[in-house]
Amino acid sequence: MTGPQASPSPASGPPAPPHPPVRPGRKLALTALTVSLLALASSGAVAVLLYRLSGTGRDGAAPQRPQSVAAEATTGLPVTYAKEALNIRIGCAALVYLDLDEPRAGAPQQLSDLRYDSKCGNNPAQLSLGPGAVSGAGVPTADLDADDCQRAIRNGPLGPGAEVPVKKGTAICVLTAAQPAKLVLVEITDVGATGTAGLRATSWLARD
């Protein structure tokens, strides 16, 4: 007789238990963590981009500011009015006085900073300083800032009785005697018939 048959040997170990299901709360926590990491990465990339845009260029040079902003930073003088129109309407061989502190045309002579002298025939009108001006200078262009006007007055002031021909595109710089003093650029924008002209003035508060 054969002996009792041996039963099959059991497995080397108990079977591994199945992975427990991920709870909904844990899923939400993992999702929130993933979103936070992505947000941090994005913010870092944005910060690097902003730094590169605001910093120096590839060649190491700082980005240039617009010319108008640089000019304002250079002069440092506050503007009291800008591109104010002054219209001259007088006859032949007539005078009109301008107060550049306001500004206005037709001011009393004793308060005027600039005198407009209308000529007859083909002779151009003339601009000269009035009793309210300390000094001034004729300049060939109106493309100037306050520093340019100060330099023109310092380097080439108008002498007593000097006149500046009224021609379209030319200009005159004037330093007034008011308190506080004004530095004014007067541009000739239009020259019409005898005694007719258009002017435009810009004023800065002069340094003490």
N, C-alpha and C. Protein backbone atom coordinates (compact mmCIF):
# COMPACT_ATOMS: atom_id res chain seq x y z
N MET A 1 0.84 -1.18 0.00
CA MET A 1 0.00 0.00 0.00
C MET A 1 0.88 1.23 0.00
N THR A 2 0.42 2.09 -0.66
CA THR A 2 1.12 3.37 -0.66
C THR A 2 0.66 4.19 0.50
N GLY A 3 1.57 5.00 1.01
CA GLY A 3 1.23 5.86 2.14
C GLY A 3 0.37 7.03 1.70
N PRO A 4 -0.03 7.75 2.64
CA PRO A 4 -0.87 8.93 2.29
C PRO A 4 -0.07 9.91 1.47
N GLN A 5 -0.72 10.42 0.41
CA GLN A 5 -0.06 11.39 -0.48
C GLN A 5 0.16 12.71 0.23
N ALA A 6 1.33 13.26 -0.05
CA ALA A 6 1.64 14.57 0.57
C ALA A 6 0.85 15.66 -0.10
N SER A 7 0.31 16.54 0.73
CA SER A 7 -0.47 17.68 0.18
C SER A 7 0.49 18.68 -0.44
N PRO A 8 0.01 19.38 -1.45
CA PRO A 8 0.89 20.36 -2.12
C PRO A 8 1.39 21.38 -1.11
N SER A 9 2.71 21.74 -1.29
CA SER A 9 3.33 22.69 -0.35
C SER A 9 2.72 24.06 -0.51
N PRO A 10 2.52 24.70 0.62
CA PRO A 10 1.92 26.05 0.51
C PRO A 10 2.89 27.00 -0.17
N ALA A 11 2.39 28.17 -0.64
CA ALA A 11 3.22 29.19 -1.31
C ALA A 11 4.24 29.72 -0.33
N SER A 12 5.28 30.33 -0.91
CA SER A 12 6.37 30.81 -0.08
C SER A 12 5.93 31.86 0.92
N GLY A 13 4.86 32.57 0.68
CA GLY A 13 4.38 33.59 1.61
C GLY A 13 2.94 33.94 1.31
N PRO A 14 2.33 34.62 2.22
CA PRO A 14 0.93 35.00 1.96
C PRO A 14 0.86 36.01 0.83
N PRO A 15 -0.19 35.97 0.04
CA PRO A 15 -0.32 36.93 -1.10
C PRO A 15 -0.37 38.36 -0.56
N ALA A 16 0.25 39.32 -1.38
CA ALA A 16 0.30 40.75 -0.98
C ALA A 16 -1.11 41.32 -0.98
N PRO A 17 -1.42 42.07 0.06
CA PRO A 17 -2.77 42.65 0.10
C PRO A 17 -2.93 43.71 -0.97
N PRO A 18 -4.08 43.91 -1.51
CA PRO A 18 -4.31 44.93 -2.55
C PRO A 18 -4.06 46.32 -1.96
N HIS A 19 -3.57 47.29 -2.89
CA HIS A 19 -3.35 48.67 -2.46
C HIS A 19 -4.67 49.28 -2.00
N PRO A 20 -4.60 49.96 -0.86
CA PRO A 20 -5.85 50.59 -0.39
C PRO A 20 -6.26 51.71 -1.34
N PRO A 21 -7.50 51.89 -1.56
CA PRO A 21 -7.97 52.95 -2.47
C PRO A 21 -7.59 54.33 -1.91
N VAL A 22 -7.23 55.26 -2.87
CA VAL A 22 -6.88 56.63 -2.47
C VAL A 22 -8.15 57.37 -2.12
N ARG A 23 -8.10 57.93 -0.95
CA ARG A 23 -9.29 58.64 -0.49
C ARG A 23 -9.46 59.95 -1.26
N PRO A 24 -10.73 60.41 -1.39
CA PRO A 24 -10.97 61.67 -2.12
C PRO A 24 -10.22 62.84 -1.50
N GLY A 25 -10.13 62.93 -0.19
CA GLY A 25 -9.42 64.04 0.46
C GLY A 25 -7.96 64.06 0.07
N ARG A 26 -7.35 62.87 -0.02
CA ARG A 26 -5.94 62.79 -0.39
C ARG A 26 -5.74 63.21 -1.84
N LYS A 27 -6.69 62.85 -2.70
CA LYS A 27 -6.60 63.27 -4.10
C LYS A 27 -6.62 64.79 -4.20
N LEU A 28 -7.49 65.44 -3.43
CA LEU A 28 -7.57 66.90 -3.46
C LEU A 28 -6.27 67.52 -2.97
N ALA A 29 -5.68 66.92 -1.93
CA ALA A 29 -4.43 67.46 -1.40
C ALA A 29 -3.32 67.36 -2.43
N LEU A 30 -3.23 66.21 -3.13
CA LEU A 30 -2.20 66.05 -4.16
C LEU A 30 -2.42 67.02 -5.31
N THR A 31 -3.67 67.22 -5.69
CA THR A 31 -3.97 68.17 -6.78
C THR A 31 -3.57 69.58 -6.39
N ALA A 32 -3.89 69.98 -5.15
CA ALA A 32 -3.53 71.33 -4.68
C ALA A 32 -2.03 71.51 -4.66
N LEU A 33 -1.30 70.47 -4.21
CA LEU A 33 0.16 70.56 -4.16
C LEU A 33 0.73 70.72 -5.56
N THR A 34 0.18 69.97 -6.53
CA THR A 34 0.67 70.06 -7.91
C THR A 34 0.44 71.46 -8.48
N VAL A 35 -0.75 72.02 -8.24
CA VAL A 35 -1.08 73.37 -8.74
C VAL A 35 -0.15 74.40 -8.10
N SER A 36 0.13 74.26 -6.81
CA SER A 36 1.01 75.21 -6.13
C SER A 36 2.42 75.18 -6.73
N LEU A 37 2.93 73.95 -6.98
CA LEU A 37 4.26 73.85 -7.56
C LEU A 37 4.32 74.47 -8.95
N LEU A 38 3.27 74.24 -9.75
CA LEU A 38 3.22 74.85 -11.08
C LEU A 38 3.17 76.36 -11.00
N ALA A 39 2.40 76.90 -10.03
CA ALA A 39 2.30 78.35 -9.87
C ALA A 39 3.63 78.95 -9.48
N LEU A 40 4.35 78.28 -8.56
CA LEU A 40 5.67 78.78 -8.17
C LEU A 40 6.63 78.79 -9.34
N ALA A 41 6.59 77.72 -10.14
CA ALA A 41 7.48 77.66 -11.30
C ALA A 41 7.16 78.76 -12.29
N SER A 42 5.86 79.02 -12.50
CA SER A 42 5.46 80.07 -13.44
C SER A 42 5.88 81.43 -12.94
N SER A 43 5.68 81.70 -11.63
CA SER A 43 6.05 83.00 -11.08
C SER A 43 7.54 83.23 -11.19
N GLY A 44 8.32 82.18 -11.00
CA GLY A 44 9.77 82.32 -11.15
C GLY A 44 10.15 82.66 -12.57
N ALA A 45 9.49 82.01 -13.54
CA ALA A 45 9.78 82.33 -14.93
C ALA A 45 9.40 83.75 -15.27
N VAL A 46 8.26 84.21 -14.75
CA VAL A 46 7.83 85.59 -14.99
C VAL A 46 8.81 86.57 -14.38
N ALA A 47 9.28 86.26 -13.15
CA ALA A 47 10.24 87.15 -12.50
C ALA A 47 11.52 87.27 -13.31
N VAL A 48 12.00 86.14 -13.84
CA VAL A 48 13.22 86.18 -14.66
C VAL A 48 12.99 86.99 -15.92
N LEU A 49 11.81 86.84 -16.54
CA LEU A 49 11.50 87.59 -17.75
C LEU A 49 11.45 89.07 -17.48
N LEU A 50 10.79 89.49 -16.39
CA LEU A 50 10.71 90.91 -16.04
C LEU A 50 12.09 91.46 -15.75
N TYR A 51 12.92 90.68 -15.07
CA TYR A 51 14.28 91.15 -14.78
C TYR A 51 15.06 91.39 -16.07
N ARG A 52 14.91 90.47 -17.02
CA ARG A 52 15.64 90.64 -18.27
C ARG A 52 15.13 91.83 -19.06
N LEU A 53 13.80 92.05 -19.03
CA LEU A 53 13.24 93.20 -19.75
C LEU A 53 13.65 94.51 -19.14
N SER A 54 13.73 94.58 -17.81
CA SER A 54 14.05 95.84 -17.14
C SER A 54 15.53 96.05 -16.94
N GLY A 55 16.33 95.03 -17.12
CA GLY A 55 17.76 95.15 -16.87
C GLY A 55 18.51 95.53 -18.11
N THR A 56 19.75 95.17 -18.15
CA THR A 56 20.60 95.51 -19.27
C THR A 56 20.31 94.60 -20.45
N GLY A 57 20.73 95.04 -21.63
CA GLY A 57 20.53 94.26 -22.83
C GLY A 57 21.59 93.19 -22.96
N ARG A 58 21.61 92.55 -24.12
CA ARG A 58 22.56 91.46 -24.33
C ARG A 58 24.00 91.96 -24.31
N ASP A 59 24.17 93.21 -24.77
CA ASP A 59 25.52 93.74 -24.80
C ASP A 59 25.95 94.37 -23.50
N GLY A 60 25.11 94.27 -22.45
CA GLY A 60 25.47 94.82 -21.15
C GLY A 60 25.11 96.28 -20.99
N ALA A 61 24.54 96.92 -22.01
CA ALA A 61 24.19 98.34 -21.92
C ALA A 61 22.79 98.49 -21.37
N ALA A 62 22.59 99.51 -20.54
CA ALA A 62 21.27 99.76 -19.99
C ALA A 62 20.36 100.28 -21.07
N PRO A 63 19.05 99.94 -21.04
CA PRO A 63 18.13 100.43 -22.06
C PRO A 63 18.03 101.94 -22.00
N GLN A 64 17.97 102.57 -23.17
CA GLN A 64 17.91 104.02 -23.25
C GLN A 64 16.50 104.51 -23.01
N ARG A 65 16.39 105.66 -22.31
CA ARG A 65 15.10 106.26 -22.08
C ARG A 65 14.73 107.13 -23.28
N PRO A 66 13.44 107.41 -23.47
CA PRO A 66 13.06 108.31 -24.55
C PRO A 66 13.74 109.66 -24.38
N GLN A 67 14.01 110.33 -25.51
CA GLN A 67 14.76 111.57 -25.48
C GLN A 67 14.05 112.64 -24.67
N SER A 68 12.70 112.71 -24.78
CA SER A 68 11.97 113.74 -24.05
C SER A 68 12.13 113.57 -22.54
N VAL A 69 12.08 112.31 -22.05
CA VAL A 69 12.25 112.07 -20.62
C VAL A 69 13.65 112.45 -20.18
N ALA A 70 14.66 112.09 -21.01
CA ALA A 70 16.03 112.46 -20.65
C ALA A 70 16.21 113.96 -20.60
N ALA A 71 15.56 114.70 -21.52
CA ALA A 71 15.67 116.16 -21.52
C ALA A 71 15.07 116.75 -20.27
N GLU A 72 13.92 116.23 -19.83
CA GLU A 72 13.30 116.74 -18.62
C GLU A 72 14.19 116.50 -17.41
N ALA A 73 14.80 115.30 -17.36
CA ALA A 73 15.67 115.00 -16.23
C ALA A 73 16.90 115.88 -16.24
N THR A 74 17.35 116.30 -17.44
CA THR A 74 18.55 117.12 -17.53
C THR A 74 18.27 118.54 -17.06
N THR A 75 17.19 119.14 -17.53
CA THR A 75 16.92 120.53 -17.18
C THR A 75 16.51 120.66 -15.72
N GLY A 76 15.58 119.85 -15.28
CA GLY A 76 15.14 119.91 -13.90
C GLY A 76 14.36 121.16 -13.56
N LEU A 77 13.94 121.96 -14.55
CA LEU A 77 13.18 123.18 -14.30
C LEU A 77 11.70 122.91 -14.52
N PRO A 78 10.85 123.28 -13.57
CA PRO A 78 9.42 123.04 -13.75
C PRO A 78 8.84 123.95 -14.83
N VAL A 79 7.97 123.38 -15.65
CA VAL A 79 7.30 124.14 -16.70
C VAL A 79 6.12 124.89 -16.10
N THR A 80 6.01 126.19 -16.38
CA THR A 80 4.89 126.99 -15.88
C THR A 80 3.76 127.09 -16.91
N TYR A 81 4.11 127.06 -18.18
CA TYR A 81 3.12 126.90 -19.25
C TYR A 81 3.85 126.41 -20.49
N ALA A 82 3.11 125.77 -21.40
CA ALA A 82 3.75 125.16 -22.57
C ALA A 82 2.99 125.48 -23.84
N LYS A 83 3.72 125.97 -24.86
CA LYS A 83 3.20 126.20 -26.20
C LYS A 83 1.92 127.06 -26.18
N GLU A 84 1.96 128.13 -25.42
CA GLU A 84 0.84 129.08 -25.38
C GLU A 84 0.89 129.96 -26.62
N ALA A 85 -0.25 130.09 -27.31
CA ALA A 85 -0.32 130.88 -28.54
C ALA A 85 -0.48 132.36 -28.21
N LEU A 86 0.27 133.19 -28.94
CA LEU A 86 0.17 134.64 -28.85
C LEU A 86 0.01 135.18 -30.27
N ASN A 87 -1.07 135.86 -30.52
CA ASN A 87 -1.37 136.35 -31.87
C ASN A 87 -1.18 137.86 -31.95
N ILE A 88 -0.45 138.28 -32.97
CA ILE A 88 -0.18 139.69 -33.20
C ILE A 88 -1.07 140.18 -34.33
N ARG A 89 -1.83 141.25 -34.06
CA ARG A 89 -2.72 141.85 -35.07
C ARG A 89 -2.63 143.36 -34.94
N ILE A 90 -1.64 143.94 -35.60
CA ILE A 90 -1.49 145.39 -35.56
C ILE A 90 -1.22 145.90 -36.97
N GLY A 91 -1.18 147.21 -37.13
CA GLY A 91 -0.97 147.80 -38.44
C GLY A 91 0.50 148.06 -38.74
N CYS A 92 0.71 148.76 -39.83
CA CYS A 92 2.05 149.12 -40.27
C CYS A 92 2.65 150.14 -39.31
N ALA A 93 3.93 149.99 -39.01
CA ALA A 93 4.67 150.89 -38.14
C ALA A 93 4.00 151.03 -36.77
N ALA A 94 3.53 149.92 -36.22
CA ALA A 94 2.88 149.93 -34.90
C ALA A 94 3.66 149.03 -33.95
N LEU A 95 3.39 149.21 -32.67
CA LEU A 95 4.07 148.45 -31.62
C LEU A 95 3.05 147.67 -30.80
N VAL A 96 3.46 146.51 -30.29
CA VAL A 96 2.67 145.77 -29.32
C VAL A 96 3.65 145.16 -28.32
N TYR A 97 3.24 145.14 -27.05
CA TYR A 97 4.11 144.65 -25.98
C TYR A 97 3.54 143.34 -25.43
N LEU A 98 4.45 142.43 -25.09
CA LEU A 98 4.04 141.11 -24.60
C LEU A 98 4.57 140.89 -23.19
N ASP A 99 3.68 140.42 -22.33
CA ASP A 99 4.06 140.02 -20.97
C ASP A 99 4.21 138.50 -20.98
N LEU A 100 5.42 138.02 -20.80
CA LEU A 100 5.69 136.59 -20.88
C LEU A 100 5.50 135.86 -19.55
N ASP A 101 5.25 136.59 -18.47
CA ASP A 101 4.99 135.93 -17.20
C ASP A 101 3.60 135.33 -17.16
N GLU A 102 2.64 135.91 -17.91
CA GLU A 102 1.25 135.39 -17.85
C GLU A 102 1.02 134.16 -18.74
N PRO A 103 1.16 134.18 -20.06
CA PRO A 103 1.58 135.24 -20.98
C PRO A 103 0.38 135.94 -21.60
N ARG A 104 0.63 137.12 -22.22
CA ARG A 104 -0.44 137.82 -22.94
C ARG A 104 0.18 138.85 -23.88
N ALA A 105 -0.55 139.14 -24.95
CA ALA A 105 -0.18 140.21 -25.87
C ALA A 105 -1.01 141.44 -25.52
N GLY A 106 -0.46 142.62 -25.82
CA GLY A 106 -1.16 143.86 -25.49
C GLY A 106 -0.97 144.28 -24.05
N ALA A 107 0.18 143.99 -23.47
CA ALA A 107 0.46 144.36 -22.09
C ALA A 107 0.96 145.81 -22.03
N PRO A 108 0.86 146.44 -20.87
CA PRO A 108 1.45 147.78 -20.71
C PRO A 108 2.96 147.73 -20.93
N GLN A 109 3.49 148.81 -21.50
CA GLN A 109 4.91 148.82 -21.84
C GLN A 109 5.79 148.58 -20.62
N GLN A 110 5.47 149.18 -19.48
CA GLN A 110 6.34 149.06 -18.31
C GLN A 110 6.36 147.65 -17.73
N LEU A 111 5.38 146.83 -18.07
CA LEU A 111 5.32 145.45 -17.57
C LEU A 111 5.78 144.44 -18.61
N SER A 112 6.09 144.89 -19.80
CA SER A 112 6.34 143.97 -20.91
C SER A 112 7.75 143.38 -20.84
N ASP A 113 7.85 142.15 -21.34
CA ASP A 113 9.14 141.46 -21.45
C ASP A 113 9.65 141.45 -22.88
N LEU A 114 8.74 141.66 -23.82
CA LEU A 114 9.10 141.60 -25.24
C LEU A 114 8.31 142.66 -26.00
N ARG A 115 8.98 143.27 -26.96
CA ARG A 115 8.36 144.31 -27.80
C ARG A 115 8.34 143.83 -29.24
N TYR A 116 7.17 143.90 -29.87
CA TYR A 116 7.00 143.53 -31.27
C TYR A 116 6.83 144.82 -32.07
N ASP A 117 7.73 145.07 -33.00
CA ASP A 117 7.76 146.30 -33.79
C ASP A 117 7.42 145.96 -35.24
N SER A 118 6.22 146.35 -35.68
CA SER A 118 5.78 146.08 -37.05
C SER A 118 6.40 147.10 -38.00
N LYS A 119 6.94 146.64 -39.11
CA LYS A 119 7.53 147.51 -40.12
C LYS A 119 6.60 147.61 -41.32
N CYS A 120 6.88 148.56 -42.16
CA CYS A 120 6.08 148.74 -43.37
C CYS A 120 6.82 148.19 -44.59
N GLY A 121 6.09 147.90 -45.63
CA GLY A 121 6.68 147.40 -46.86
C GLY A 121 7.20 145.98 -46.69
N ASN A 122 8.37 145.73 -47.28
CA ASN A 122 8.95 144.38 -47.24
C ASN A 122 9.87 144.16 -46.06
N ASN A 123 10.01 145.14 -45.19
CA ASN A 123 10.88 144.99 -44.04
C ASN A 123 10.22 144.09 -42.99
N PRO A 124 10.93 143.09 -42.50
CA PRO A 124 10.32 142.20 -41.50
C PRO A 124 10.15 142.91 -40.17
N ALA A 125 9.14 142.47 -39.41
CA ALA A 125 8.95 142.98 -38.05
C ALA A 125 10.15 142.58 -37.19
N GLN A 126 10.28 143.25 -36.05
CA GLN A 126 11.43 143.01 -35.18
C GLN A 126 10.94 142.76 -33.75
N LEU A 127 11.67 141.87 -33.07
CA LEU A 127 11.44 141.62 -31.65
C LEU A 127 12.62 142.17 -30.86
N SER A 128 12.34 142.80 -29.74
CA SER A 128 13.39 143.28 -28.84
C SER A 128 12.91 143.14 -27.40
N LEU A 129 13.84 143.21 -26.48
CA LEU A 129 13.50 143.03 -25.07
C LEU A 129 12.76 144.25 -24.54
N GLY A 130 11.79 143.99 -23.66
CA GLY A 130 11.06 145.05 -22.99
C GLY A 130 11.66 145.35 -21.63
N PRO A 131 11.12 146.35 -20.93
CA PRO A 131 11.67 146.72 -19.63
C PRO A 131 11.51 145.66 -18.56
N GLY A 132 10.63 144.69 -18.76
CA GLY A 132 10.44 143.63 -17.77
C GLY A 132 11.37 142.45 -17.92
N ALA A 133 12.27 142.50 -18.91
CA ALA A 133 13.19 141.39 -19.16
C ALA A 133 14.56 141.71 -18.60
N VAL A 134 15.21 140.71 -18.05
CA VAL A 134 16.59 140.86 -17.56
C VAL A 134 17.57 140.71 -18.71
N SER A 135 17.37 139.70 -19.54
CA SER A 135 18.25 139.43 -20.67
C SER A 135 17.54 138.50 -21.64
N GLY A 136 18.16 138.30 -22.79
CA GLY A 136 17.58 137.43 -23.81
C GLY A 136 18.60 137.14 -24.89
N ALA A 137 18.21 136.25 -25.81
CA ALA A 137 19.10 135.89 -26.92
C ALA A 137 18.25 135.41 -28.09
N GLY A 138 18.62 135.81 -29.28
CA GLY A 138 18.00 135.28 -30.48
C GLY A 138 18.59 133.94 -30.82
N VAL A 139 17.75 132.98 -31.21
CA VAL A 139 18.21 131.63 -31.55
C VAL A 139 17.63 131.23 -32.90
N PRO A 140 18.36 130.43 -33.69
CA PRO A 140 17.91 130.10 -35.05
C PRO A 140 16.83 129.03 -35.12
N THR A 141 16.53 128.36 -34.02
CA THR A 141 15.54 127.29 -34.02
C THR A 141 14.80 127.27 -32.69
N ALA A 142 13.58 126.75 -32.72
CA ALA A 142 12.79 126.62 -31.49
C ALA A 142 12.92 125.23 -30.87
N ASP A 143 13.75 124.37 -31.45
CA ASP A 143 13.93 123.02 -30.92
C ASP A 143 14.94 123.07 -29.77
N LEU A 144 14.54 123.72 -28.68
CA LEU A 144 15.41 123.95 -27.54
C LEU A 144 14.70 123.58 -26.25
N ASP A 145 15.50 123.29 -25.22
CA ASP A 145 14.95 123.11 -23.89
C ASP A 145 15.47 124.24 -23.00
N ALA A 146 15.18 124.16 -21.71
CA ALA A 146 15.57 125.23 -20.80
C ALA A 146 17.08 125.39 -20.73
N ASP A 147 17.82 124.29 -20.72
CA ASP A 147 19.27 124.37 -20.69
C ASP A 147 19.82 125.09 -21.92
N ASP A 148 19.23 124.79 -23.09
CA ASP A 148 19.67 125.45 -24.32
C ASP A 148 19.43 126.96 -24.26
N CYS A 149 18.26 127.35 -23.73
CA CYS A 149 17.96 128.78 -23.62
C CYS A 149 18.92 129.47 -22.65
N GLN A 150 19.19 128.85 -21.53
CA GLN A 150 20.12 129.43 -20.58
C GLN A 150 21.50 129.59 -21.19
N ARG A 151 21.92 128.58 -21.96
CA ARG A 151 23.24 128.64 -22.59
C ARG A 151 23.29 129.75 -23.64
N ALA A 152 22.21 129.89 -24.43
CA ALA A 152 22.18 130.94 -25.45
C ALA A 152 22.24 132.32 -24.83
N ILE A 153 21.51 132.54 -23.73
CA ILE A 153 21.54 133.84 -23.06
C ILE A 153 22.91 134.11 -22.46
N ARG A 154 23.53 133.07 -21.91
CA ARG A 154 24.84 133.25 -21.29
C ARG A 154 25.93 133.52 -22.32
N ASN A 155 25.86 132.82 -23.46
CA ASN A 155 26.95 132.91 -24.44
C ASN A 155 26.75 133.99 -25.49
N GLY A 156 25.51 134.41 -25.74
CA GLY A 156 25.27 135.42 -26.78
C GLY A 156 24.08 136.31 -26.45
N PRO A 157 24.14 137.05 -25.35
CA PRO A 157 22.99 137.89 -24.96
C PRO A 157 22.78 139.05 -25.92
N LEU A 158 21.54 139.47 -26.01
CA LEU A 158 21.20 140.65 -26.81
C LEU A 158 21.70 141.90 -26.10
N GLY A 159 22.36 142.76 -26.84
CA GLY A 159 22.83 144.02 -26.28
C GLY A 159 21.71 145.06 -26.27
N PRO A 160 21.95 146.22 -25.68
CA PRO A 160 20.95 147.29 -25.64
C PRO A 160 20.51 147.69 -27.04
N GLY A 161 19.22 147.71 -27.25
CA GLY A 161 18.67 148.11 -28.55
C GLY A 161 18.73 147.05 -29.63
N ALA A 162 19.26 145.87 -29.33
CA ALA A 162 19.37 144.82 -30.34
C ALA A 162 17.99 144.27 -30.69
N GLU A 163 17.81 143.88 -31.94
CA GLU A 163 16.53 143.37 -32.43
C GLU A 163 16.72 142.02 -33.12
N VAL A 164 15.66 141.22 -33.10
CA VAL A 164 15.66 139.91 -33.75
C VAL A 164 14.59 139.93 -34.84
N PRO A 165 14.95 139.70 -36.11
CA PRO A 165 13.96 139.70 -37.19
C PRO A 165 12.90 138.61 -36.97
N VAL A 166 11.66 138.96 -37.26
CA VAL A 166 10.55 138.01 -37.12
C VAL A 166 10.46 137.17 -38.39
N LYS A 167 10.93 135.93 -38.31
CA LYS A 167 10.88 135.00 -39.42
C LYS A 167 10.35 133.66 -38.92
N LYS A 168 9.52 133.04 -39.72
CA LYS A 168 8.92 131.77 -39.31
C LYS A 168 10.00 130.75 -39.00
N GLY A 169 9.89 130.10 -37.83
CA GLY A 169 10.83 129.06 -37.43
C GLY A 169 11.91 129.53 -36.50
N THR A 170 12.18 130.85 -36.46
CA THR A 170 13.19 131.35 -35.53
C THR A 170 12.55 131.59 -34.17
N ALA A 171 13.39 131.92 -33.19
CA ALA A 171 12.88 132.05 -31.82
C ALA A 171 13.76 133.00 -31.03
N ILE A 172 13.30 133.33 -29.83
CA ILE A 172 14.04 134.18 -28.91
C ILE A 172 13.86 133.64 -27.50
N CYS A 173 14.94 133.59 -26.74
CA CYS A 173 14.89 133.18 -25.33
C CYS A 173 14.93 134.43 -24.46
N VAL A 174 14.08 134.46 -23.44
CA VAL A 174 13.97 135.64 -22.59
C VAL A 174 13.97 135.21 -21.12
N LEU A 175 14.76 135.91 -20.31
CA LEU A 175 14.72 135.74 -18.86
C LEU A 175 14.03 136.96 -18.27
N THR A 176 12.89 136.74 -17.59
CA THR A 176 12.12 137.86 -17.06
C THR A 176 12.63 138.28 -15.69
N ALA A 177 12.22 139.49 -15.29
CA ALA A 177 12.63 140.04 -13.99
C ALA A 177 11.59 139.80 -12.91
N ALA A 178 10.57 139.01 -13.21
CA ALA A 178 9.50 138.77 -12.23
C ALA A 178 10.05 137.97 -11.05
N GLN A 179 9.27 137.95 -9.98
CA GLN A 179 9.58 137.14 -8.80
C GLN A 179 8.45 136.13 -8.59
N PRO A 180 8.68 134.85 -8.85
CA PRO A 180 9.94 134.27 -9.33
C PRO A 180 10.15 134.52 -10.82
N ALA A 181 11.40 134.52 -11.24
CA ALA A 181 11.75 134.78 -12.63
C ALA A 181 11.34 133.62 -13.52
N LYS A 182 11.05 133.93 -14.78
CA LYS A 182 10.68 132.91 -15.77
C LYS A 182 11.71 132.90 -16.89
N LEU A 183 11.99 131.71 -17.37
CA LEU A 183 12.81 131.52 -18.56
C LEU A 183 11.86 131.11 -19.68
N VAL A 184 11.78 131.91 -20.74
CA VAL A 184 10.74 131.74 -21.75
C VAL A 184 11.36 131.57 -23.13
N LEU A 185 10.86 130.59 -23.86
CA LEU A 185 11.21 130.39 -25.26
C LEU A 185 10.03 130.81 -26.11
N VAL A 186 10.23 131.82 -26.97
CA VAL A 186 9.16 132.34 -27.84
C VAL A 186 9.50 131.96 -29.27
N GLU A 187 8.62 131.21 -29.89
CA GLU A 187 8.82 130.71 -31.26
C GLU A 187 7.91 131.47 -32.22
N ILE A 188 8.42 131.86 -33.38
CA ILE A 188 7.60 132.47 -34.44
C ILE A 188 7.05 131.34 -35.29
N THR A 189 5.75 131.11 -35.19
CA THR A 189 5.12 129.99 -35.90
C THR A 189 4.51 130.39 -37.23
N ASP A 190 4.20 131.70 -37.40
CA ASP A 190 3.55 132.13 -38.64
C ASP A 190 3.80 133.62 -38.83
N VAL A 191 4.05 134.00 -40.07
CA VAL A 191 4.20 135.41 -40.43
C VAL A 191 3.26 135.69 -41.59
N GLY A 192 2.29 136.56 -41.36
CA GLY A 192 1.31 136.88 -42.38
C GLY A 192 1.56 138.23 -43.01
N ALA A 193 0.48 138.93 -43.28
CA ALA A 193 0.59 140.27 -43.85
C ALA A 193 1.20 141.21 -42.83
N THR A 194 1.42 142.44 -43.25
CA THR A 194 2.05 143.43 -42.36
C THR A 194 1.31 143.52 -41.03
N GLY A 195 2.08 143.37 -39.94
CA GLY A 195 1.51 143.47 -38.60
C GLY A 195 0.79 142.23 -38.11
N THR A 196 0.92 141.13 -38.84
CA THR A 196 0.24 139.89 -38.47
C THR A 196 1.27 138.77 -38.28
N ALA A 197 1.22 138.13 -37.12
CA ALA A 197 2.15 137.03 -36.86
C ALA A 197 1.58 136.13 -35.77
N GLY A 198 2.03 134.91 -35.76
CA GLY A 198 1.66 133.95 -34.72
C GLY A 198 2.89 133.54 -33.94
N LEU A 199 2.80 133.62 -32.63
CA LEU A 199 3.90 133.23 -31.76
C LEU A 199 3.44 132.10 -30.84
N ARG A 200 4.41 131.38 -30.28
CA ARG A 200 4.10 130.31 -29.33
C ARG A 200 5.17 130.33 -28.25
N ALA A 201 4.74 130.32 -26.99
CA ALA A 201 5.69 130.50 -25.88
C ALA A 201 5.62 129.32 -24.91
N THR A 202 6.79 128.94 -24.41
CA THR A 202 6.93 127.93 -23.36
C THR A 202 7.77 128.53 -22.24
N SER A 203 7.33 128.35 -21.00
CA SER A 203 7.99 129.00 -19.86
C SER A 203 8.42 127.98 -18.82
N TRP A 204 9.60 128.20 -18.26
CA TRP A 204 10.11 127.41 -17.14
C TRP A 204 10.35 128.34 -15.96
N LEU A 205 10.24 127.81 -14.77
CA LEU A 205 10.58 128.56 -13.57
C LEU A 205 12.09 128.58 -13.45
N ALA A 206 12.67 129.79 -13.53
CA ALA A 206 14.13 129.91 -13.58
C ALA A 206 14.74 129.59 -12.23
N ARG A 207 15.99 129.13 -12.25
CA ARG A 207 16.71 128.88 -11.00
C ARG A 207 17.08 130.19 -10.34
N ASP A 208 17.22 130.16 -9.02
CA ASP A 208 17.64 131.35 -8.30
C ASP A 208 19.08 131.71 -8.62
